[in-house]
């Protein structure tokens, strides 16, 4: 996972799918039986989808669980309207929703190309 996180100097976060693939390979290699997902709730659906897809790709039956503590925070708490972050989607719930809806409706084969 760390190699994915450190492989880019672009200042942009790596796409979810390569992180999920790296985590799945690592977990399988280490003999891990369960993966606990910790993610912002607005991002959770995609993290789960990508992680499950990554596990299917390597024929792994590792169980995927969600860290329940993330639900303690309201969805609005995950956005930073006053932030100077370059990524508008983390500052605006509406922009996030529009982007995520597009990704949800996109066929996986196309998403896979966009997310790589």
PDB file of N, CA and C in Angstrom:
ATOM      1  N   UNK A   1       0.840  -1.187   0.000  1.00  0.00           N
ATOM      2  CA  UNK A   1       0.000   0.000   0.000  1.00  0.00           C
ATOM      3  C   UNK A   1       0.877   1.240   0.000  1.00  0.00           C
ATOM      4  N   UNK A   2       1.921   1.244   0.787  1.00  0.00           N
ATOM      5  CA  UNK A   2       2.779   2.418   0.882  1.00  0.00           C
ATOM      6  C   UNK A   2       3.413   2.753  -0.465  1.00  0.00           C
ATOM      7  N   UNK A   3       3.769   1.734  -1.254  1.00  0.00           N
ATOM      8  CA  UNK A   3       4.372   2.029  -2.557  1.00  0.00           C
ATOM      9  C   UNK A   3       3.390   2.773  -3.454  1.00  0.00           C
ATOM     10  N   UNK A   4       2.109   2.477  -3.355  1.00  0.00           N
ATOM     11  CA  UNK A   4       1.103   3.203  -4.128  1.00  0.00           C
ATOM     12  C   UNK A   4       1.003   4.636  -3.630  1.00  0.00           C
ATOM     13  N   UNK A   5       0.983   4.811  -2.325  1.00  0.00           N
ATOM     14  CA  UNK A   5       0.812   6.145  -1.759  1.00  0.00           C
ATOM     15  C   UNK A   5       1.998   7.045  -2.048  1.00  0.00           C
ATOM     16  N   UNK A   6       3.167   6.476  -2.178  1.00  0.00           N
ATOM     17  CA  UNK A   6       4.365   7.286  -2.382  1.00  0.00           C
ATOM     18  C   UNK A   6       4.837   7.332  -3.830  1.00  0.00           C
ATOM     19  N   UNK A   7       4.114   6.712  -4.743  1.00  0.00           N
ATOM     20  CA  UNK A   7       4.631   6.593  -6.107  1.00  0.00           C
ATOM     21  C   UNK A   7       4.441   7.857  -6.935  1.00  0.00           C
ATOM     22  N   UNK A   8       3.613   8.756  -6.490  1.00  0.00           N
ATOM     23  CA  UNK A   8       3.336   9.938  -7.298  1.00  0.00           C
ATOM     24  C   UNK A   8       3.797  11.196  -6.578  1.00  0.00           C
ATOM     25  N   UNK A   9       4.420  12.069  -7.310  1.00  0.00           N
ATOM     26  CA  UNK A   9       4.831  13.353  -6.756  1.00  0.00           C
ATOM     27  C   UNK A   9       3.933  14.466  -7.265  1.00  0.00           C
ATOM     28  N   UNK A  10       2.781  14.104  -7.799  1.00  0.00           N
ATOM     29  CA  UNK A  10       1.901  15.088  -8.416  1.00  0.00           C
ATOM     30  C   UNK A  10       1.169  15.941  -7.386  1.00  0.00           C
ATOM     31  N   UNK A  11       1.196  15.523  -6.121  1.00  0.00           N
ATOM     32  CA  UNK A  11       0.455  16.248  -5.100  1.00  0.00           C
ATOM     33  C   UNK A  11      -1.004  15.829  -5.038  1.00  0.00           C
ATOM     34  N   UNK A  12      -1.413  14.966  -5.950  1.00  0.00           N
ATOM     35  CA  UNK A  12      -2.792  14.482  -5.960  1.00  0.00           C
ATOM     36  C   UNK A  12      -2.835  13.108  -5.304  1.00  0.00           C
ATOM     37  N   UNK A  13      -3.930  12.809  -4.621  1.00  0.00           N
ATOM     38  CA  UNK A  13      -4.022  11.473  -4.019  1.00  0.00           C
ATOM     39  C   UNK A  13      -4.148  10.407  -5.104  1.00  0.00           C
ATOM     40  N   UNK A  14      -3.622   9.219  -4.849  1.00  0.00           N
ATOM     41  CA  UNK A  14      -3.747   8.153  -5.839  1.00  0.00           C
ATOM     42  C   UNK A  14      -5.198   7.696  -5.943  1.00  0.00           C
ATOM     43  N   UNK A  15      -5.597   7.169  -7.093  1.00  0.00           N
ATOM     44  CA  UNK A  15      -6.960   6.671  -7.246  1.00  0.00           C
ATOM     45  C   UNK A  15      -7.250   5.506  -6.302  1.00  0.00           C
ATOM     46  N   UNK A  16      -8.513   5.344  -5.967  1.00  0.00           N
ATOM     47  CA  UNK A  16      -8.947   4.318  -5.023  1.00  0.00           C
ATOM     48  C   UNK A  16      -8.644   2.903  -5.519  1.00  0.00           C
ATOM     49  N   UNK A  17      -8.876   2.633  -6.780  1.00  0.00           N
ATOM     50  CA  UNK A  17      -8.699   1.278  -7.298  1.00  0.00           C
ATOM     51  C   UNK A  17      -7.263   0.759  -7.159  1.00  0.00           C
ATOM     52  N   UNK A  18      -6.238   1.513  -7.522  1.00  0.00           N
ATOM     53  CA  UNK A  18      -4.870   1.003  -7.312  1.00  0.00           C
ATOM     54  C   UNK A  18      -4.539   0.780  -5.827  1.00  0.00           C
ATOM     55  N   UNK A  19      -5.075   1.610  -4.958  1.00  0.00           N
ATOM     56  CA  UNK A  19      -4.851   1.404  -3.524  1.00  0.00           C
ATOM     57  C   UNK A  19      -5.515   0.103  -3.093  1.00  0.00           C
ATOM     58  N   UNK A  20      -6.749  -0.121  -3.547  1.00  0.00           N
ATOM     59  CA  UNK A  20      -7.479  -1.343  -3.199  1.00  0.00           C
ATOM     60  C   UNK A  20      -6.743  -2.575  -3.725  1.00  0.00           C
ATOM     61  N   UNK A  21      -6.243  -2.498  -4.933  1.00  0.00           N
ATOM     62  CA  UNK A  21      -5.506  -3.636  -5.497  1.00  0.00           C
ATOM     63  C   UNK A  21      -4.236  -3.924  -4.708  1.00  0.00           C
ATOM     64  N   UNK A  22      -3.545  -2.891  -4.339  1.00  0.00           N
ATOM     65  CA  UNK A  22      -2.333  -3.065  -3.558  1.00  0.00           C
ATOM     66  C   UNK A  22      -2.651  -3.667  -2.189  1.00  0.00           C
ATOM     67  N   UNK A  23      -3.697  -3.166  -1.552  1.00  0.00           N
ATOM     68  CA  UNK A  23      -4.104  -3.680  -0.236  1.00  0.00           C
ATOM     69  C   UNK A  23      -4.539  -5.141  -0.334  1.00  0.00           C
ATOM     70  N   UNK A  24      -5.265  -5.490  -1.383  1.00  0.00           N
ATOM     71  CA  UNK A  24      -5.724  -6.873  -1.561  1.00  0.00           C
ATOM     72  C   UNK A  24      -4.536  -7.821  -1.744  1.00  0.00           C
ATOM     73  N   UNK A  25      -3.586  -7.422  -2.561  1.00  0.00           N
ATOM     74  CA  UNK A  25      -2.402  -8.264  -2.785  1.00  0.00           C
ATOM     75  C   UNK A  25      -1.602  -8.425  -1.503  1.00  0.00           C
ATOM     76  N   UNK A  26      -1.434  -7.324  -0.776  1.00  0.00           N
ATOM     77  CA  UNK A  26      -0.708  -7.370   0.493  1.00  0.00           C
ATOM     78  C   UNK A  26      -1.405  -8.295   1.482  1.00  0.00           C
ATOM     79  N   UNK A  27      -2.717  -8.151   1.627  1.00  0.00           N
ATOM     80  CA  UNK A  27      -3.480  -8.962   2.580  1.00  0.00           C
ATOM     81  C   UNK A  27      -3.391 -10.445   2.230  1.00  0.00           C
ATOM     82  N   UNK A  28      -3.509 -10.759   0.951  1.00  0.00           N
ATOM     83  CA  UNK A  28      -3.412 -12.160   0.536  1.00  0.00           C
ATOM     84  C   UNK A  28      -2.016 -12.712   0.826  1.00  0.00           C
ATOM     85  N   UNK A  29      -0.999 -11.927   0.486  1.00  0.00           N
ATOM     86  CA  UNK A  29       0.387 -12.345   0.713  1.00  0.00           C
ATOM     87  C   UNK A  29       0.676 -12.582   2.197  1.00  0.00           C
ATOM     88  N   UNK A  30       0.069 -11.749   3.055  1.00  0.00           N
ATOM     89  CA  UNK A  30       0.293 -11.843   4.502  1.00  0.00           C
ATOM     90  C   UNK A  30      -0.634 -12.842   5.196  1.00  0.00           C
ATOM     91  N   UNK A  31      -1.539 -13.443   4.437  1.00  0.00           N
ATOM     92  CA  UNK A  31      -2.450 -14.422   5.026  1.00  0.00           C
ATOM     93  C   UNK A  31      -3.552 -13.802   5.882  1.00  0.00           C
ATOM     94  N   UNK A  32      -3.887 -12.573   5.604  1.00  0.00           N
ATOM     95  CA  UNK A  32      -4.912 -11.860   6.365  1.00  0.00           C
ATOM     96  C   UNK A  32      -6.284 -12.402   5.968  1.00  0.00           C
ATOM     97  N   UNK A  33      -7.152 -12.587   6.951  1.00  0.00           N
ATOM     98  CA  UNK A  33      -8.478 -13.140   6.680  1.00  0.00           C
ATOM     99  C   UNK A  33      -9.567 -12.078   6.607  1.00  0.00           C
ATOM    100  N   UNK A  34      -9.322 -10.918   7.215  1.00  0.00           N
ATOM    101  CA  UNK A  34     -10.313  -9.841   7.229  1.00  0.00           C
ATOM    102  C   UNK A  34      -9.621  -8.509   6.994  1.00  0.00           C
ATOM    103  N   UNK A  35     -10.256  -7.667   6.174  1.00  0.00           N
ATOM    104  CA  UNK A  35      -9.785  -6.298   5.965  1.00  0.00           C
ATOM    105  C   UNK A  35     -10.810  -5.359   6.582  1.00  0.00           C
ATOM    106  N   UNK A  36     -10.345  -4.461   7.422  1.00  0.00           N
ATOM    107  CA  UNK A  36     -11.214  -3.470   8.045  1.00  0.00           C
ATOM    108  C   UNK A  36     -11.064  -2.166   7.275  1.00  0.00           C
ATOM    109  N   UNK A  37     -12.152  -1.700   6.692  1.00  0.00           N
ATOM    110  CA  UNK A  37     -12.128  -0.492   5.880  1.00  0.00           C
ATOM    111  C   UNK A  37     -12.425   0.721   6.746  1.00  0.00           C
ATOM    112  N   UNK A  38     -11.538   1.694   6.678  1.00  0.00           N
ATOM    113  CA  UNK A  38     -11.725   2.978   7.349  1.00  0.00           C
ATOM    114  C   UNK A  38     -11.656   4.037   6.259  1.00  0.00           C
ATOM    115  N   UNK A  39     -12.786   4.693   6.026  1.00  0.00           N
ATOM    116  CA  UNK A  39     -12.852   5.695   4.964  1.00  0.00           C
ATOM    117  C   UNK A  39     -13.929   6.707   5.318  1.00  0.00           C
ATOM    118  N   UNK A  40     -13.832   7.875   4.737  1.00  0.00           N
ATOM    119  CA  UNK A  40     -14.896   8.863   4.903  1.00  0.00           C
ATOM    120  C   UNK A  40     -16.183   8.258   4.347  1.00  0.00           C
ATOM    121  N   UNK A  41     -17.284   8.440   5.045  1.00  0.00           N
ATOM    122  CA  UNK A  41     -18.532   7.805   4.607  1.00  0.00           C
ATOM    123  C   UNK A  41     -18.948   8.188   3.180  1.00  0.00           C
ATOM    124  N   UNK A  42     -18.729   9.420   2.725  1.00  0.00           N
ATOM    125  CA  UNK A  42     -19.106   9.706   1.338  1.00  0.00           C
ATOM    126  C   UNK A  42     -18.285   8.903   0.318  1.00  0.00           C
ATOM    127  N   UNK A  43     -17.126   8.428   0.720  1.00  0.00           N
ATOM    128  CA  UNK A  43     -16.219   7.699  -0.161  1.00  0.00           C
ATOM    129  C   UNK A  43     -16.358   6.186   0.013  1.00  0.00           C
ATOM    130  N   UNK A  44     -17.084   5.787   1.034  1.00  0.00           N
ATOM    131  CA  UNK A  44     -17.126   4.384   1.439  1.00  0.00           C
ATOM    132  C   UNK A  44     -17.627   3.448   0.353  1.00  0.00           C
ATOM    133  N   UNK A  45     -18.689   3.805  -0.348  1.00  0.00           N
ATOM    134  CA  UNK A  45     -19.240   2.901  -1.363  1.00  0.00           C
ATOM    135  C   UNK A  45     -18.180   2.523  -2.393  1.00  0.00           C
ATOM    136  N   UNK A  46     -17.344   3.505  -2.779  1.00  0.00           N
ATOM    137  CA  UNK A  46     -16.340   3.256  -3.810  1.00  0.00           C
ATOM    138  C   UNK A  46     -15.180   2.435  -3.257  1.00  0.00           C
ATOM    139  N   UNK A  47     -14.796   2.722  -2.026  1.00  0.00           N
ATOM    140  CA  UNK A  47     -13.722   1.937  -1.404  1.00  0.00           C
ATOM    141  C   UNK A  47     -14.146   0.474  -1.303  1.00  0.00           C
ATOM    142  N   UNK A  48     -15.395   0.251  -0.881  1.00  0.00           N
ATOM    143  CA  UNK A  48     -15.889  -1.126  -0.770  1.00  0.00           C
ATOM    144  C   UNK A  48     -15.959  -1.805  -2.141  1.00  0.00           C
ATOM    145  N   UNK A  49     -16.519  -1.111  -3.115  1.00  0.00           N
ATOM    146  CA  UNK A  49     -16.628  -1.700  -4.455  1.00  0.00           C
ATOM    147  C   UNK A  49     -15.249  -2.042  -5.015  1.00  0.00           C
ATOM    148  N   UNK A  50     -14.318  -1.103  -4.912  1.00  0.00           N
ATOM    149  CA  UNK A  50     -12.988  -1.320  -5.475  1.00  0.00           C
ATOM    150  C   UNK A  50     -12.231  -2.419  -4.730  1.00  0.00           C
ATOM    151  N   UNK A  51     -12.373  -2.456  -3.412  1.00  0.00           N
ATOM    152  CA  UNK A  51     -11.693  -3.491  -2.620  1.00  0.00           C
ATOM    153  C   UNK A  51     -12.249  -4.868  -2.945  1.00  0.00           C
ATOM    154  N   UNK A  52     -13.559  -4.977  -3.019  1.00  0.00           N
ATOM    155  CA  UNK A  52     -14.166  -6.275  -3.367  1.00  0.00           C
ATOM    156  C   UNK A  52     -13.770  -6.714  -4.777  1.00  0.00           C
ATOM    157  N   UNK A  53     -13.716  -5.774  -5.703  1.00  0.00           N
ATOM    158  CA  UNK A  53     -13.286  -6.089  -7.067  1.00  0.00           C
ATOM    159  C   UNK A  53     -11.831  -6.554  -7.068  1.00  0.00           C
ATOM    160  N   UNK A  54     -10.985  -5.860  -6.337  1.00  0.00           N
ATOM    161  CA  UNK A  54      -9.568  -6.224  -6.260  1.00  0.00           C
ATOM    162  C   UNK A  54      -9.398  -7.628  -5.681  1.00  0.00           C
ATOM    163  N   UNK A  55     -10.198  -7.968  -4.687  1.00  0.00           N
ATOM    164  CA  UNK A  55     -10.124  -9.307  -4.090  1.00  0.00           C
ATOM    165  C   UNK A  55     -10.614 -10.374  -5.073  1.00  0.00           C
ATOM    166  N   UNK A  56     -11.653 -10.070  -5.834  1.00  0.00           N
ATOM    167  CA  UNK A  56     -12.128 -11.017  -6.864  1.00  0.00           C
ATOM    168  C   UNK A  56     -11.042 -11.252  -7.918  1.00  0.00           C
ATOM    169  N   UNK A  57     -10.347 -10.193  -8.289  1.00  0.00           N
ATOM    170  CA  UNK A  57      -9.313 -10.306  -9.324  1.00  0.00           C
ATOM    171  C   UNK A  57      -8.194 -11.266  -8.928  1.00  0.00           C
ATOM    172  N   UNK A  58      -7.935 -11.379  -7.643  1.00  0.00           N
ATOM    173  CA  UNK A  58      -6.864 -12.273  -7.188  1.00  0.00           C
ATOM    174  C   UNK A  58      -7.430 -13.545  -6.548  1.00  0.00           C
ATOM    175  N   UNK A  59      -8.715 -13.801  -6.789  1.00  0.00           N
ATOM    176  CA  UNK A  59      -9.375 -15.007  -6.284  1.00  0.00           C
ATOM    177  C   UNK A  59      -9.209 -15.168  -4.774  1.00  0.00           C
ATOM    178  N   UNK A  60      -9.462 -14.108  -4.062  1.00  0.00           N
ATOM    179  CA  UNK A  60      -9.326 -14.129  -2.610  1.00  0.00           C
ATOM    180  C   UNK A  60     -10.695 -14.048  -1.949  1.00  0.00           C
ATOM    181  N   UNK A  61     -10.834 -14.760  -0.864  1.00  0.00           N
ATOM    182  CA  UNK A  61     -12.078 -14.754  -0.100  1.00  0.00           C
ATOM    183  C   UNK A  61     -11.923 -13.977   1.208  1.00  0.00           C
ATOM    184  N   UNK A  62     -11.018 -13.047   1.231  1.00  0.00           N
ATOM    185  CA  UNK A  62     -10.825 -12.209   2.419  1.00  0.00           C
ATOM    186  C   UNK A  62     -12.116 -11.449   2.687  1.00  0.00           C
ATOM    187  N   UNK A  63     -12.514 -11.441   3.938  1.00  0.00           N
ATOM    188  CA  UNK A  63     -13.744 -10.742   4.333  1.00  0.00           C
ATOM    189  C   UNK A  63     -13.473  -9.248   4.455  1.00  0.00           C
ATOM    190  N   UNK A  64     -14.395  -8.453   3.957  1.00  0.00           N
ATOM    191  CA  UNK A  64     -14.274  -6.998   4.006  1.00  0.00           C
ATOM    192  C   UNK A  64     -15.280  -6.465   5.028  1.00  0.00           C
ATOM    193  N   UNK A  65     -14.771  -5.743   6.011  1.00  0.00           N
ATOM    194  CA  UNK A  65     -15.605  -5.171   7.068  1.00  0.00           C
ATOM    195  C   UNK A  65     -15.439  -3.660   7.086  1.00  0.00           C
ATOM    196  N   UNK A  66     -16.439  -2.972   7.598  1.00  0.00           N
ATOM    197  CA  UNK A  66     -16.392  -1.513   7.709  1.00  0.00           C
ATOM    198  C   UNK A  66     -16.194  -1.139   9.170  1.00  0.00           C
ATOM    199  N   UNK A  67     -15.280  -0.220   9.423  1.00  0.00           N
ATOM    200  CA  UNK A  67     -15.072   0.311  10.767  1.00  0.00           C
ATOM    201  C   UNK A  67     -16.303   1.139  11.150  1.00  0.00           C
ATOM    202  N   UNK A  68     -17.078   0.658  12.086  1.00  0.00           N
ATOM    203  CA  UNK A  68     -18.352   1.281  12.443  1.00  0.00           C
ATOM    204  C   UNK A  68     -18.193   2.692  13.025  1.00  0.00           C
ATOM    205  N   UNK A  69     -17.034   2.996  13.562  1.00  0.00           N
ATOM    206  CA  UNK A  69     -16.828   4.305  14.177  1.00  0.00           C
ATOM    207  C   UNK A  69     -16.963   5.456  13.179  1.00  0.00           C
ATOM    208  N   UNK A  70     -16.767   5.181  11.894  1.00  0.00           N
ATOM    209  CA  UNK A  70     -16.874   6.270  10.913  1.00  0.00           C
ATOM    210  C   UNK A  70     -18.278   6.840  10.857  1.00  0.00           C
ATOM    211  N   UNK A  71     -19.259   6.057  11.278  1.00  0.00           N
ATOM    212  CA  UNK A  71     -20.652   6.526  11.233  1.00  0.00           C
ATOM    213  C   UNK A  71     -20.971   7.500  12.366  1.00  0.00           C
ATOM    214  N   UNK A  72     -20.043   7.709  13.259  1.00  0.00           N
ATOM    215  CA  UNK A  72     -20.243   8.683  14.340  1.00  0.00           C
ATOM    216  C   UNK A  72     -20.224  10.117  13.824  1.00  0.00           C
ATOM    217  N   UNK A  73     -19.641  10.307  12.669  1.00  0.00           N
ATOM    218  CA  UNK A  73     -19.493  11.647  12.104  1.00  0.00           C
ATOM    219  C   UNK A  73     -20.552  11.879  11.033  1.00  0.00           C
ATOM    220  N   UNK A  74     -21.229  13.013  11.086  1.00  0.00           N
ATOM    221  CA  UNK A  74     -22.215  13.299  10.032  1.00  0.00           C
ATOM    222  C   UNK A  74     -21.493  13.495   8.695  1.00  0.00           C
ATOM    223  N   UNK A  75     -22.178  13.184   7.599  1.00  0.00           N
ATOM    224  CA  UNK A  75     -21.552  13.300   6.274  1.00  0.00           C
ATOM    225  C   UNK A  75     -21.016  14.698   6.015  1.00  0.00           C
ATOM    226  N   UNK A  76     -21.688  15.713   6.520  1.00  0.00           N
ATOM    227  CA  UNK A  76     -21.225  17.089   6.275  1.00  0.00           C
ATOM    228  C   UNK A  76     -19.863  17.352   6.928  1.00  0.00           C
ATOM    229  N   UNK A  77     -19.512  16.574   7.953  1.00  0.00           N
ATOM    230  CA  UNK A  77     -18.238  16.764   8.649  1.00  0.00           C
ATOM    231  C   UNK A  77     -17.042  16.370   7.784  1.00  0.00           C
ATOM    232  N   UNK A  78     -17.287  15.629   6.728  1.00  0.00           N
ATOM    233  CA  UNK A  78     -16.193  15.175   5.882  1.00  0.00           C
ATOM    234  C   UNK A  78     -15.780  16.208   4.838  1.00  0.00           C
ATOM    235  N   UNK A  79     -16.524  17.300   4.731  1.00  0.00           N
ATOM    236  CA  UNK A  79     -16.227  18.321   3.729  1.00  0.00           C
ATOM    237  C   UNK A  79     -15.677  19.571   4.399  1.00  0.00           C
ATOM    238  N   UNK A  80     -14.782  20.252   3.714  1.00  0.00           N
ATOM    239  CA  UNK A  80     -14.092  21.409   4.276  1.00  0.00           C
ATOM    240  C   UNK A  80     -14.303  22.625   3.382  1.00  0.00           C
ATOM    241  N   UNK A  81     -15.444  23.309   3.517  1.00  0.00           N
ATOM    242  CA  UNK A  81     -15.749  24.437   2.622  1.00  0.00           C
ATOM    243  C   UNK A  81     -14.701  25.544   2.629  1.00  0.00           C
ATOM    244  N   UNK A  82     -14.072  25.810   3.751  1.00  0.00           N
ATOM    245  CA  UNK A  82     -13.095  26.889   3.824  1.00  0.00           C
ATOM    246  C   UNK A  82     -11.677  26.467   3.478  1.00  0.00           C
ATOM    247  N   UNK A  83     -11.501  25.215   3.109  1.00  0.00           N
ATOM    248  CA  UNK A  83     -10.174  24.675   2.825  1.00  0.00           C
ATOM    249  C   UNK A  83      -9.568  25.299   1.577  1.00  0.00           C
ATOM    250  N   UNK A  84      -8.262  25.366   1.551  1.00  0.00           N
ATOM    251  CA  UNK A  84      -7.550  25.832   0.364  1.00  0.00           C
ATOM    252  C   UNK A  84      -7.120  24.650  -0.505  1.00  0.00           C
ATOM    253  N   UNK A  85      -7.634  23.474  -0.191  1.00  0.00           N
ATOM    254  CA  UNK A  85      -7.335  22.271  -0.946  1.00  0.00           C
ATOM    255  C   UNK A  85      -7.700  22.474  -2.414  1.00  0.00           C
ATOM    256  N   UNK A  86      -6.807  22.059  -3.308  1.00  0.00           N
ATOM    257  CA  UNK A  86      -7.027  22.199  -4.751  1.00  0.00           C
ATOM    258  C   UNK A  86      -8.231  21.401  -5.233  1.00  0.00           C
ATOM    259  N   UNK A  87      -8.555  20.348  -4.540  1.00  0.00           N
ATOM    260  CA  UNK A  87      -9.634  19.466  -4.975  1.00  0.00           C
ATOM    261  C   UNK A  87     -10.980  20.023  -4.516  1.00  0.00           C
ATOM    262  N   UNK A  88     -11.669  20.640  -5.437  1.00  0.00           N
ATOM    263  CA  UNK A  88     -12.965  21.229  -5.123  1.00  0.00           C
ATOM    264  C   UNK A  88     -13.922  20.206  -4.521  1.00  0.00           C
ATOM    265  N   UNK A  89     -13.791  18.948  -4.933  1.00  0.00           N
ATOM    266  CA  UNK A  89     -14.725  17.921  -4.465  1.00  0.00           C
ATOM    267  C   UNK A  89     -14.644  17.679  -2.963  1.00  0.00           C
ATOM    268  N   UNK A  90     -13.538  18.001  -2.317  1.00  0.00           N
ATOM    269  CA  UNK A  90     -13.469  17.816  -0.861  1.00  0.00           C
ATOM    270  C   UNK A  90     -13.989  19.038  -0.111  1.00  0.00           C
ATOM    271  N   UNK A  91     -14.240  20.098  -0.833  1.00  0.00           N
ATOM    272  CA  UNK A  91     -14.765  21.309  -0.205  1.00  0.00           C
ATOM    273  C   UNK A  91     -16.275  21.425  -0.349  1.00  0.00           C
ATOM    274  N   UNK A  92     -16.848  20.770  -1.323  1.00  0.00           N
ATOM    275  CA  UNK A  92     -18.270  20.925  -1.614  1.00  0.00           C
ATOM    276  C   UNK A  92     -18.968  19.574  -1.681  1.00  0.00           C
ATOM    277  N   UNK A  93     -19.969  19.411  -0.859  1.00  0.00           N
ATOM    278  CA  UNK A  93     -20.739  18.172  -0.865  1.00  0.00           C
ATOM    279  C   UNK A  93     -21.424  17.970  -2.228  1.00  0.00           C
ATOM    280  N   UNK A  94     -21.908  19.051  -2.818  1.00  0.00           N
ATOM    281  CA  UNK A  94     -22.568  18.966  -4.114  1.00  0.00           C
ATOM    282  C   UNK A  94     -21.593  18.503  -5.195  1.00  0.00           C
ATOM    283  N   UNK A  95     -20.413  19.096  -5.232  1.00  0.00           N
ATOM    284  CA  UNK A  95     -19.415  18.711  -6.238  1.00  0.00           C
ATOM    285  C   UNK A  95     -19.018  17.255  -6.033  1.00  0.00           C
ATOM    286  N   UNK A  96     -18.845  16.847  -4.774  1.00  0.00           N
ATOM    287  CA  UNK A  96     -18.518  15.442  -4.473  1.00  0.00           C
ATOM    288  C   UNK A  96     -19.622  14.531  -5.010  1.00  0.00           C
ATOM    289  N   UNK A  97     -20.871  14.876  -4.696  1.00  0.00           N
ATOM    290  CA  UNK A  97     -22.009  14.059  -5.103  1.00  0.00           C
ATOM    291  C   UNK A  97     -22.077  13.931  -6.628  1.00  0.00           C
ATOM    292  N   UNK A  98     -21.871  15.027  -7.337  1.00  0.00           N
ATOM    293  CA  UNK A  98     -21.916  14.985  -8.799  1.00  0.00           C
ATOM    294  C   UNK A  98     -20.832  14.056  -9.358  1.00  0.00           C
ATOM    295  N   UNK A  99     -19.642  14.169  -8.811  1.00  0.00           N
ATOM    296  CA  UNK A  99     -18.528  13.329  -9.261  1.00  0.00           C
ATOM    297  C   UNK A  99     -18.793  11.864  -8.941  1.00  0.00           C
ATOM    298  N   UNK A 100     -19.217  11.590  -7.712  1.00  0.00           N
ATOM    299  CA  UNK A 100     -19.456  10.212  -7.301  1.00  0.00           C
ATOM    300  C   UNK A 100     -20.613   9.583  -8.067  1.00  0.00           C
ATOM    301  N   UNK A 101     -21.632  10.356  -8.357  1.00  0.00           N
ATOM    302  CA  UNK A 101     -22.762   9.831  -9.132  1.00  0.00           C
ATOM    303  C   UNK A 101     -22.290   9.426 -10.522  1.00  0.00           C
ATOM    304  N   UNK A 102     -21.456  10.234 -11.121  1.00  0.00           N
ATOM    305  CA  UNK A 102     -20.885   9.898 -12.429  1.00  0.00           C
ATOM    306  C   UNK A 102     -20.099   8.593 -12.338  1.00  0.00           C
ATOM    307  N   UNK A 103     -19.287   8.451 -11.284  1.00  0.00           N
ATOM    308  CA  UNK A 103     -18.486   7.233 -11.118  1.00  0.00           C
ATOM    309  C   UNK A 103     -19.373   6.013 -10.863  1.00  0.00           C
ATOM    310  N   UNK A 104     -20.469   6.194 -10.133  1.00  0.00           N
ATOM    311  CA  UNK A 104     -21.381   5.078  -9.861  1.00  0.00           C
ATOM    312  C   UNK A 104     -22.066   4.590 -11.133  1.00  0.00           C
ATOM    313  N   UNK A 105     -22.430   5.509 -11.999  1.00  0.00           N
ATOM    314  CA  UNK A 105     -23.153   5.154 -13.215  1.00  0.00           C
ATOM    315  C   UNK A 105     -22.248   4.627 -14.328  1.00  0.00           C
ATOM    316  N   UNK A 106     -20.969   4.855 -14.171  1.00  0.00           N
ATOM    317  CA  UNK A 106     -19.994   4.460 -15.190  1.00  0.00           C
ATOM    318  C   UNK A 106     -19.801   2.940 -15.177  1.00  0.00           C
ATOM    319  N   UNK A 107     -19.805   2.289 -16.334  1.00  0.00           N
ATOM    320  CA  UNK A 107     -19.499   0.853 -16.360  1.00  0.00           C
ATOM    321  C   UNK A 107     -18.105   0.616 -15.775  1.00  0.00           C
ATOM    322  N   UNK A 108     -17.923  -0.514 -15.087  1.00  0.00           N
ATOM    323  CA  UNK A 108     -16.656  -0.736 -14.395  1.00  0.00           C
ATOM    324  C   UNK A 108     -15.475  -0.740 -15.353  1.00  0.00           C
ATOM    325  N   UNK A 109     -15.628  -1.283 -16.554  1.00  0.00           N
ATOM    326  CA  UNK A 109     -14.505  -1.319 -17.488  1.00  0.00           C
ATOM    327  C   UNK A 109     -14.019   0.088 -17.818  1.00  0.00           C
ATOM    328  N   UNK A 110     -14.934   1.045 -17.871  1.00  0.00           N
ATOM    329  CA  UNK A 110     -14.562   2.437 -18.136  1.00  0.00           C
ATOM    330  C   UNK A 110     -13.973   3.078 -16.876  1.00  0.00           C
ATOM    331  N   UNK A 111     -14.604   2.830 -15.744  1.00  0.00           N
ATOM    332  CA  UNK A 111     -14.084   3.335 -14.469  1.00  0.00           C
ATOM    333  C   UNK A 111     -12.654   2.867 -14.255  1.00  0.00           C
ATOM    334  N   UNK A 112     -12.407   1.618 -14.573  1.00  0.00           N
ATOM    335  CA  UNK A 112     -11.075   1.050 -14.395  1.00  0.00           C
ATOM    336  C   UNK A 112     -10.030   1.817 -15.209  1.00  0.00           C
ATOM    337  N   UNK A 113     -10.374   2.242 -16.387  1.00  0.00           N
ATOM    338  CA  UNK A 113      -9.453   3.044 -17.209  1.00  0.00           C
ATOM    339  C   UNK A 113      -9.247   4.436 -16.622  1.00  0.00           C
ATOM    340  N   UNK A 114     -10.323   5.029 -16.144  1.00  0.00           N
ATOM    341  CA  UNK A 114     -10.251   6.377 -15.560  1.00  0.00           C
ATOM    342  C   UNK A 114      -9.472   6.349 -14.248  1.00  0.00           C
ATOM    343  N   UNK A 115      -9.645   5.284 -13.481  1.00  0.00           N
ATOM    344  CA  UNK A 115      -9.073   5.203 -12.138  1.00  0.00           C
ATOM    345  C   UNK A 115      -7.645   4.674 -12.106  1.00  0.00           C
ATOM    346  N   UNK A 116      -7.062   4.399 -13.244  1.00  0.00           N
ATOM    347  CA  UNK A 116      -5.706   3.831 -13.236  1.00  0.00           C
ATOM    348  C   UNK A 116      -4.659   4.893 -13.449  1.00  0.00           C
TER     349      UNK A 116
END
